[in-house]
Protein backbone atom coordinates (compact mmCIF):
# COMPACT_ATOMS: atom_id res chain seq x y z
CA MET A 1 53.56 -48.25 21.07
CA SER A 2 49.77 -48.07 21.35
CA SER A 3 47.90 -49.64 24.24
CA ILE A 4 46.04 -52.91 24.55
CA TYR A 5 42.68 -52.43 26.20
CA ILE A 6 40.89 -55.07 28.27
CA ALA A 7 37.16 -54.48 28.74
CA GLY A 8 34.70 -56.26 31.00
CA THR A 9 32.60 -56.05 34.12
CA ALA A 10 34.93 -55.97 37.10
CA ASP A 11 32.04 -56.53 39.51
CA THR A 12 31.45 -60.06 38.16
CA LYS A 13 34.49 -60.98 36.02
CA GLY A 14 37.38 -59.67 38.14
CA GLU A 15 39.30 -62.93 38.32
CA GLU A 16 39.22 -63.44 34.57
CA LEU A 17 40.15 -59.81 33.84
CA THR A 18 43.18 -60.10 36.13
CA PHE A 19 44.23 -63.34 34.42
CA LEU A 20 44.15 -61.62 31.03
CA PHE A 21 45.98 -58.59 32.38
CA ASP A 22 48.83 -60.71 33.73
CA ILE A 23 49.37 -62.44 30.37
CA LEU A 24 49.10 -59.30 28.28
CA SER A 25 51.13 -56.96 30.48
CA GLU A 26 54.03 -59.41 30.68
CA ALA A 27 54.33 -59.42 26.88
CA HIS A 28 53.19 -55.93 25.93
CA GLY A 29 53.74 -53.64 28.89
CA ASP A 30 51.09 -51.04 28.07
CA VAL A 31 47.73 -52.57 29.03
CA VAL A 32 44.67 -50.59 30.11
CA ARG A 33 41.85 -52.25 32.08
CA VAL A 34 38.39 -50.73 31.50
CA ASP A 35 35.54 -51.45 33.90
CA LEU A 36 32.05 -51.68 32.43
CA GLY A 37 30.44 -53.03 35.56
CA THR A 38 27.45 -51.36 37.11
CA ARG A 39 28.45 -52.29 40.66
CA PRO A 40 31.70 -51.74 42.66
CA PRO A 41 34.71 -53.60 41.15
CA THR A 42 36.30 -56.57 42.85
CA VAL A 43 39.78 -55.96 41.38
CA PRO A 44 41.86 -52.88 40.47
CA MET A 45 40.98 -51.25 37.13
CA ASP A 46 42.69 -48.45 35.23
CA VAL A 47 39.52 -46.82 33.88
CA ALA A 48 36.64 -46.76 36.34
CA ALA A 49 33.09 -47.48 35.27
CA ALA A 50 32.12 -43.94 36.28
CA GLU A 51 34.65 -42.54 33.80
CA VAL A 52 33.13 -44.61 30.99
CA ALA A 53 29.57 -43.73 32.06
CA ALA A 54 30.42 -40.03 31.78
CA PHE A 55 30.72 -40.51 28.01
CA HIS A 56 26.97 -41.20 27.71
CA PRO A 57 25.37 -38.52 25.48
CA GLU A 58 22.97 -37.64 28.30
CA GLY A 59 25.61 -37.88 31.01
CA ALA A 60 26.24 -40.60 33.55
CA GLY A 61 22.83 -40.03 35.11
CA ASN A 62 21.82 -43.00 37.20
CA ILE A 63 23.73 -45.64 35.18
CA LEU A 64 25.60 -46.81 38.27
CA THR A 65 22.80 -46.30 40.78
CA THR A 66 19.68 -47.70 39.16
CA ASP A 67 18.29 -51.06 40.24
CA ASP A 68 17.37 -51.83 36.61
CA ARG A 69 20.47 -53.77 35.57
CA GLY A 70 19.30 -54.22 31.99
CA ALA A 71 18.79 -50.50 31.49
CA ALA A 72 22.14 -49.78 33.15
CA MET A 73 24.00 -52.16 30.83
CA ALA A 74 22.29 -50.75 27.75
CA ALA A 75 23.28 -47.23 28.78
CA MET A 76 26.82 -48.34 29.60
CA GLY A 77 27.10 -49.89 26.13
CA THR A 78 26.16 -46.54 24.59
CA ALA A 79 28.71 -44.78 26.80
CA PHE A 80 31.41 -47.29 25.84
CA GLU A 81 30.74 -46.56 22.15
CA GLN A 82 31.55 -42.90 22.75
CA PHE A 83 34.54 -43.81 24.93
CA CYS A 84 36.07 -45.93 22.17
CA ARG A 85 35.49 -43.24 19.56
CA ALA A 86 37.26 -40.71 21.77
CA ARG A 87 40.26 -43.00 22.38
CA GLN A 88 40.59 -44.51 18.90
CA ALA A 89 44.06 -43.12 18.34
CA GLU A 90 45.57 -44.82 21.37
CA ILE A 91 43.86 -48.22 21.15
CA GLY A 92 46.16 -50.69 19.40
CA GLY A 93 44.02 -53.71 20.19
CA MET A 94 41.15 -54.72 22.46
CA ILE A 95 40.05 -57.89 24.19
CA GLY A 96 36.76 -58.28 26.03
CA ILE A 97 34.99 -60.95 28.04
CA GLY A 98 31.35 -61.36 28.87
CA GLY A 99 28.10 -63.20 28.95
CA GLY A 100 25.02 -61.72 27.31
CA GLY A 101 25.18 -58.24 28.81
CA GLY A 102 28.96 -57.99 28.79
CA THR A 103 29.19 -59.10 25.17
CA SER A 104 26.65 -56.48 24.14
CA MET A 105 28.50 -53.67 25.96
CA VAL A 106 32.03 -54.58 24.89
CA THR A 107 31.24 -55.18 21.22
CA ALA A 108 29.31 -51.91 21.05
CA GLY A 109 32.61 -50.18 21.72
CA MET A 110 34.68 -52.50 19.54
CA ARG A 111 32.48 -51.70 16.54
CA GLN A 112 33.58 -48.07 16.79
CA LEU A 113 37.23 -48.95 16.24
CA PRO A 114 38.69 -48.81 12.73
CA TYR A 115 38.96 -51.91 10.55
CA GLY A 116 42.26 -53.63 11.15
CA VAL A 117 42.57 -52.75 14.83
CA PRO A 118 42.67 -56.22 16.50
CA LYS A 119 39.46 -56.99 18.39
CA VAL A 120 38.95 -60.25 20.30
CA MET A 121 35.74 -61.02 22.21
CA VAL A 122 35.57 -64.07 24.49
CA SER A 123 31.88 -64.73 24.95
CA THR A 124 29.41 -67.34 26.12
CA LEU A 125 27.37 -66.42 23.02
CA ALA A 126 30.11 -66.88 20.45
CA SER A 127 28.89 -70.24 19.15
CA GLY A 128 25.44 -68.87 18.28
CA ASP A 129 24.17 -66.05 16.07
CA VAL A 130 26.77 -63.33 16.59
CA ALA A 131 25.44 -60.94 13.94
CA PRO A 132 24.05 -58.45 16.50
CA TYR A 133 27.48 -58.23 18.12
CA VAL A 134 29.84 -58.37 15.12
CA ASP A 135 27.58 -56.58 12.62
CA ILE A 136 29.83 -55.22 9.83
CA SER A 137 32.97 -55.05 11.98
CA ASP A 138 36.03 -57.36 12.07
CA ILE A 139 35.59 -58.61 15.65
CA ALA A 140 37.00 -62.10 16.26
CA MET A 141 34.62 -64.06 18.51
CA PHE A 142 36.04 -66.76 20.82
CA PRO A 143 33.54 -69.19 22.40
CA SER A 144 34.25 -69.36 26.12
CA VAL A 145 32.92 -72.97 26.22
CA THR A 146 32.33 -72.80 29.99
CA ASP A 147 30.51 -69.89 31.56
CA ILE A 148 32.70 -66.94 32.50
CA ALA A 149 32.19 -67.45 36.21
CA GLY A 150 35.63 -68.00 37.68
CA LEU A 151 38.79 -69.66 36.44
CA ASN A 152 39.10 -73.38 35.86
CA ARG A 153 41.36 -75.73 33.92
CA LEU A 154 39.48 -75.11 30.67
CA SER A 155 38.75 -71.39 30.98
CA ARG A 156 42.44 -70.67 31.60
CA VAL A 157 43.28 -72.33 28.28
CA ILE A 158 40.55 -70.49 26.37
CA LEU A 159 41.36 -67.09 27.85
CA GLY A 160 45.09 -67.68 27.39
CA ASN A 161 44.63 -68.58 23.75
CA ALA A 162 42.50 -65.49 23.15
CA ALA A 163 45.05 -63.22 24.86
CA ARG A 164 47.96 -64.66 22.87
CA ALA A 165 45.98 -64.40 19.64
CA LEU A 166 45.52 -60.70 20.33
CA LEU A 167 49.21 -60.31 21.17
CA GLY A 168 50.12 -61.91 17.86
CA MET A 169 47.88 -59.55 15.93
CA VAL A 170 49.19 -56.49 17.76
CA ALA A 171 52.84 -57.52 17.48
CA ALA A 172 52.73 -58.40 13.78
CA PRO A 173 50.19 -56.16 12.05
CA GLN A 174 49.52 -56.59 8.35
CA ALA A 175 51.89 -54.36 6.41
CA ALA A 176 50.35 -51.48 4.50
CA PRO A 177 50.20 -52.02 0.72
CA SER A 178 53.24 -50.76 -1.12
CA ASP A 179 51.25 -49.31 -4.01
CA ASP A 180 49.03 -46.27 -3.96
CA LYS A 181 46.23 -47.52 -6.22
CA PRO A 182 42.85 -46.03 -5.27
CA ALA A 183 40.35 -48.49 -3.80
CA ILE A 184 36.89 -49.16 -5.21
CA GLY A 185 34.03 -51.27 -3.86
CA LEU A 186 32.13 -53.85 -5.90
CA SER A 187 29.02 -55.84 -4.93
CA MET A 188 28.63 -59.48 -5.94
CA PHE A 189 26.36 -62.47 -5.45
CA GLY A 190 26.92 -66.02 -6.64
CA VAL A 191 24.56 -65.39 -9.55
CA THR A 192 26.53 -62.31 -10.70
CA THR A 193 30.02 -63.70 -10.09
CA PRO A 194 31.13 -63.90 -13.76
CA CYS A 195 30.31 -60.22 -14.27
CA VAL A 196 31.96 -58.85 -11.14
CA THR A 197 34.99 -61.11 -11.42
CA ALA A 198 35.59 -59.88 -14.97
CA ILE A 199 35.24 -56.23 -13.90
CA SER A 200 37.67 -56.70 -11.03
CA LYS A 201 40.20 -58.44 -13.27
CA ALA A 202 39.98 -55.69 -15.89
CA LEU A 203 40.52 -52.92 -13.33
CA ALA A 204 43.08 -54.63 -11.09
CA ASP A 205 46.06 -52.87 -12.63
CA ARG A 206 44.62 -49.44 -11.81
CA PHE A 207 42.49 -50.00 -8.70
CA ASP A 208 42.49 -52.01 -5.50
CA CYS A 209 39.18 -53.86 -6.00
CA LEU A 210 37.30 -54.75 -2.81
CA ILE A 211 34.47 -57.20 -3.55
CA PHE A 212 31.59 -57.45 -1.06
CA HIS A 213 29.09 -60.28 -0.82
CA ALA A 214 25.61 -58.77 -1.24
CA THR A 215 24.17 -60.33 1.91
CA GLY A 216 22.94 -57.21 3.68
CA THR A 217 26.02 -56.87 5.86
CA GLY A 218 28.18 -56.85 2.74
CA GLY A 219 26.43 -53.84 1.27
CA ARG A 220 26.53 -52.00 4.58
CA ALA A 221 30.24 -52.69 5.00
CA MET A 222 30.94 -51.47 1.47
CA GLU A 223 29.04 -48.25 2.06
CA GLN A 224 30.60 -47.71 5.48
CA LEU A 225 34.03 -47.85 3.88
CA ALA A 226 32.82 -45.33 1.31
CA ALA A 227 31.61 -43.11 4.14
CA ASP A 228 35.03 -43.40 5.80
CA GLY A 229 36.82 -42.46 2.58
CA PHE A 230 38.46 -45.89 2.41
CA VAL A 231 37.04 -46.52 -1.08
CA ASN A 232 36.89 -43.81 -3.72
CA GLY A 233 34.06 -45.14 -5.87
CA LEU A 234 31.55 -47.96 -6.22
CA ILE A 235 30.63 -50.42 -8.96
CA ASP A 236 27.42 -51.62 -7.39
CA ILE A 237 26.46 -54.33 -9.84
CA THR A 238 24.47 -56.45 -7.36
CA THR A 239 21.67 -54.54 -5.63
CA THR A 240 19.70 -57.63 -4.60
CA GLU A 241 19.75 -56.66 -0.90
CA ILE A 242 17.05 -54.10 -1.71
CA CYS A 243 14.67 -56.94 -2.66
CA ASP A 244 15.07 -58.43 0.81
CA LEU A 245 14.59 -55.01 2.41
CA LEU A 246 11.30 -54.34 0.63
CA PHE A 247 9.86 -57.86 0.63
CA ASP A 248 10.91 -59.31 3.99
CA GLY A 249 13.85 -61.41 2.86
CA VAL A 250 16.54 -62.58 5.23
CA LEU A 251 19.50 -60.67 3.73
CA PRO A 252 18.17 -57.11 3.67
CA ALA A 253 19.93 -53.85 2.95
CA ALA A 254 19.57 -51.00 5.39
CA SER A 255 17.04 -48.33 4.46
CA GLU A 256 20.02 -46.00 3.95
CA ARG A 257 21.31 -48.11 1.03
CA MET A 258 22.80 -45.82 -1.66
CA ASP A 259 22.54 -42.67 0.48
CA ILE A 260 26.32 -42.43 0.84
CA VAL A 261 26.60 -41.94 -2.93
CA ALA A 262 24.51 -38.80 -2.67
CA GLN A 263 26.37 -37.61 0.42
CA ARG A 264 29.90 -38.06 -0.93
CA ARG A 265 29.22 -37.63 -4.66
CA ILE A 266 31.59 -40.50 -5.46
CA PRO A 267 31.71 -42.11 -8.93
CA TYR A 268 28.93 -44.68 -9.05
CA VAL A 269 28.19 -47.39 -11.59
CA VAL A 270 25.13 -49.38 -10.54
CA SER A 271 22.99 -52.15 -12.00
CA ALA A 272 20.12 -54.50 -11.25
CA GLY A 273 22.11 -57.60 -10.38
CA ALA A 274 19.92 -60.32 -8.78
CA LEU A 275 16.88 -58.05 -8.43
CA ASP A 276 15.00 -61.08 -9.71
CA MET A 277 15.18 -62.78 -6.32
CA VAL A 278 14.35 -62.54 -2.62
CA ASN A 279 16.29 -64.71 -0.14
CA PHE A 280 14.81 -66.96 2.53
CA TRP A 281 16.37 -69.77 4.53
CA ALA A 282 15.23 -73.41 4.18
CA PRO A 283 11.95 -73.97 2.29
CA ASP A 284 9.87 -74.26 5.46
CA THR A 285 10.90 -70.71 6.45
CA VAL A 286 9.27 -69.08 3.42
CA PRO A 287 6.33 -66.99 4.69
CA ASP A 288 2.92 -68.50 4.01
CA ARG A 289 1.92 -65.61 1.75
CA TYR A 290 4.75 -66.55 -0.61
CA ARG A 291 4.28 -70.34 -0.67
CA ASP A 292 2.59 -70.32 -4.10
CA ARG A 293 5.28 -68.21 -5.72
CA ARG A 294 8.06 -69.35 -8.03
CA LEU A 295 10.70 -70.72 -5.61
CA TYR A 296 14.15 -72.09 -6.26
CA ARG A 297 16.15 -74.20 -3.80
CA HIS A 298 19.61 -72.66 -4.06
CA ASN A 299 20.98 -75.06 -1.43
CA PRO A 300 19.48 -76.90 1.58
CA ASN A 301 19.62 -73.70 3.65
CA VAL A 302 18.71 -71.00 1.11
CA THR A 303 15.50 -70.66 -0.88
CA LEU A 304 15.08 -67.98 -3.55
CA MET A 305 11.78 -66.40 -4.63
CA ARG A 306 11.34 -64.80 -8.03
CA THR A 307 10.24 -61.16 -7.79
CA SER A 308 6.93 -60.40 -9.50
CA ALA A 309 6.23 -57.62 -11.98
CA GLU A 310 4.52 -55.60 -9.23
CA GLU A 311 7.50 -56.03 -6.91
CA CYS A 312 9.93 -55.13 -9.68
CA ALA A 313 8.00 -51.93 -10.32
CA ALA A 314 8.29 -51.06 -6.63
CA LEU A 315 12.04 -51.73 -6.81
CA GLY A 316 12.34 -49.37 -9.76
CA ARG A 317 10.58 -46.58 -7.88
CA TRP A 318 12.71 -47.10 -4.74
CA ILE A 319 16.01 -47.12 -6.60
CA GLY A 320 14.90 -44.24 -8.79
CA ALA A 321 14.26 -42.05 -5.76
CA LYS A 322 17.73 -42.87 -4.43
CA LEU A 323 19.40 -42.03 -7.75
CA ASN A 324 17.55 -38.71 -7.98
CA ALA A 325 19.24 -37.65 -4.75
CA CYS A 326 22.68 -38.13 -6.33
CA SER A 327 24.30 -35.07 -7.89
CA GLY A 328 27.62 -36.74 -8.71
CA GLU A 329 28.44 -38.95 -11.69
CA VAL A 330 26.03 -41.91 -11.80
CA ARG A 331 25.53 -44.54 -14.49
CA PHE A 332 22.77 -47.13 -14.16
CA LEU A 333 23.47 -50.00 -16.54
CA TRP A 334 20.45 -52.08 -17.57
CA PRO A 335 21.12 -55.66 -18.82
CA GLN A 336 18.24 -56.29 -21.20
CA LYS A 337 18.76 -60.06 -21.42
CA GLY A 338 18.62 -60.89 -17.71
CA LEU A 339 19.65 -59.95 -14.21
CA SER A 340 21.28 -63.10 -12.84
CA ALA A 341 22.42 -66.62 -13.64
CA LEU A 342 18.82 -67.75 -13.06
CA ASP A 343 17.25 -64.93 -15.10
CA ILE A 344 18.56 -66.14 -18.44
CA GLU A 345 16.99 -67.75 -21.47
CA GLY A 346 15.72 -71.12 -20.25
CA GLY A 347 16.60 -70.27 -16.67
CA GLU A 348 14.44 -70.89 -13.59
CA PHE A 349 13.72 -67.18 -13.05
CA ARG A 350 13.50 -65.88 -16.63
CA ASP A 351 10.61 -63.40 -16.69
CA PRO A 352 10.94 -60.63 -19.31
CA ASP A 353 7.69 -59.00 -18.21
CA ALA A 354 8.85 -58.62 -14.60
CA ASP A 355 12.21 -57.26 -15.75
CA ALA A 356 10.48 -54.81 -18.08
CA ALA A 357 8.27 -53.61 -15.21
CA PHE A 358 11.39 -52.68 -13.27
CA PHE A 359 12.98 -50.81 -16.16
CA GLU A 360 9.81 -48.91 -17.02
CA SER A 361 9.34 -47.91 -13.40
CA LEU A 362 12.97 -46.88 -13.01
CA THR A 363 13.05 -44.73 -16.15
CA ALA A 364 9.79 -43.06 -15.15
CA ALA A 365 11.15 -42.28 -11.70
CA VAL A 366 14.65 -41.03 -12.58
CA THR A 367 15.27 -37.49 -13.77
CA GLN A 368 18.16 -38.02 -16.15
CA THR A 369 20.85 -35.37 -16.54
CA GLY A 370 24.30 -35.17 -18.04
CA GLN A 371 25.67 -36.71 -14.86
CA ARG A 372 22.82 -39.08 -14.00
CA ARG A 373 22.19 -41.51 -16.85
CA ILE A 374 20.41 -44.81 -17.47
CA ILE A 375 22.06 -46.91 -20.16
CA ALA A 376 20.29 -49.95 -21.62
CA LEU A 377 22.60 -52.65 -22.93
CA PRO A 378 21.55 -55.60 -25.17
CA TYR A 379 23.35 -58.15 -22.98
CA HIS A 380 22.86 -60.48 -20.06
CA ILE A 381 24.46 -59.26 -16.85
CA ASN A 382 27.05 -62.05 -16.98
CA ASP A 383 27.97 -61.50 -20.63
CA PRO A 384 31.56 -60.31 -21.19
CA GLU A 385 30.21 -57.34 -23.16
CA PHE A 386 28.24 -56.15 -20.13
CA SER A 387 31.22 -56.29 -17.78
CA ALA A 388 33.30 -54.47 -20.40
CA ALA A 389 30.65 -51.76 -20.56
CA ALA A 390 30.70 -51.42 -16.78
CA VAL A 391 34.48 -51.03 -16.83
CA ALA A 392 34.26 -48.38 -19.56
CA ALA A 393 31.53 -46.51 -17.67
CA TYR A 394 33.55 -46.40 -14.47
CA LEU A 395 36.74 -45.28 -16.21
CA ASP A 396 34.76 -42.53 -17.90
CA ILE A 397 33.22 -41.09 -14.73
CA CYS A 398 36.21 -41.51 -12.46
CA ARG A 399 38.18 -39.16 -14.72
CA THR A 400 35.57 -36.39 -14.60
């Protein structure tokens, strides 16, 4: 039976850590307390802060002696990342507690654990923007409601619920799938849903289709799973995150987008889904330099901007350079009649000239070979014929 790990700063959160330990150890038996504090602990811990600090790439240094608490916590977070990587095999679940600094340190380590390993973080920050802490991981964030500054009638309930939630996850893990179908990743946005849904349905009998929402984190999660070998190929229909990366949108890809395809040489079918748009939040968040552009209010909280011909040309060059680095089987499918539900005849974002600028730029940039091909199709991206072509393209290259 693998261990449950409790992580937190025993110099400031000793009472709460002991409360969690008592609940977890009674039910599980194998519980390891890890101290991330930068000052002497107030309660017994199984792994001392000095032991964690020793995992820092540059050594423990002055992590536990410096007067700069912020620098010490940042360094301890880096050390805890390495600690969790080293102990992955024995960690069956992890719970952490913390305020701002503690949350940053604990989640840095949690993010190194594999998907599916239960991770529960009780934090004073959990009701706000948790993206910097969760990132592309599967951490469950519990709002502490009160500050984590001693036990009280409410904090006991919150901490107890979090501990028992972790126990439930550890005691009853999701069973592994009974089939051995290979997994593939697909990227989708609301405006490409008909296409990707049809592809997934057509391939479901042969592949385990994992669909990712193209919101920046979705693309990164998909590619991380490809890097880990969890998915064996990608049907990357919706590359819209690149628009936000290049033109300051709010759902950007990482600059490493598509690099994993070159590194692992996995089968790759890719298209231009939703490259007609850049995402911003509510209308008043659109940068001043874009206020006179063609904007579409997707909902009260999301505003879309139509990419211009100049921007589309830049997208073609960027994607072209990425594809040239790929030596495996790659098929770029070009939907000649539109890139999204808005880029359709009579649609809000229909702009054939901008779309043509992308395609001309892409074809000029890409060195086509027998393995690296651009295929123009006389369909809209959401037409059934286009999704059928994507299915056929993937089945062709995944056999080679």
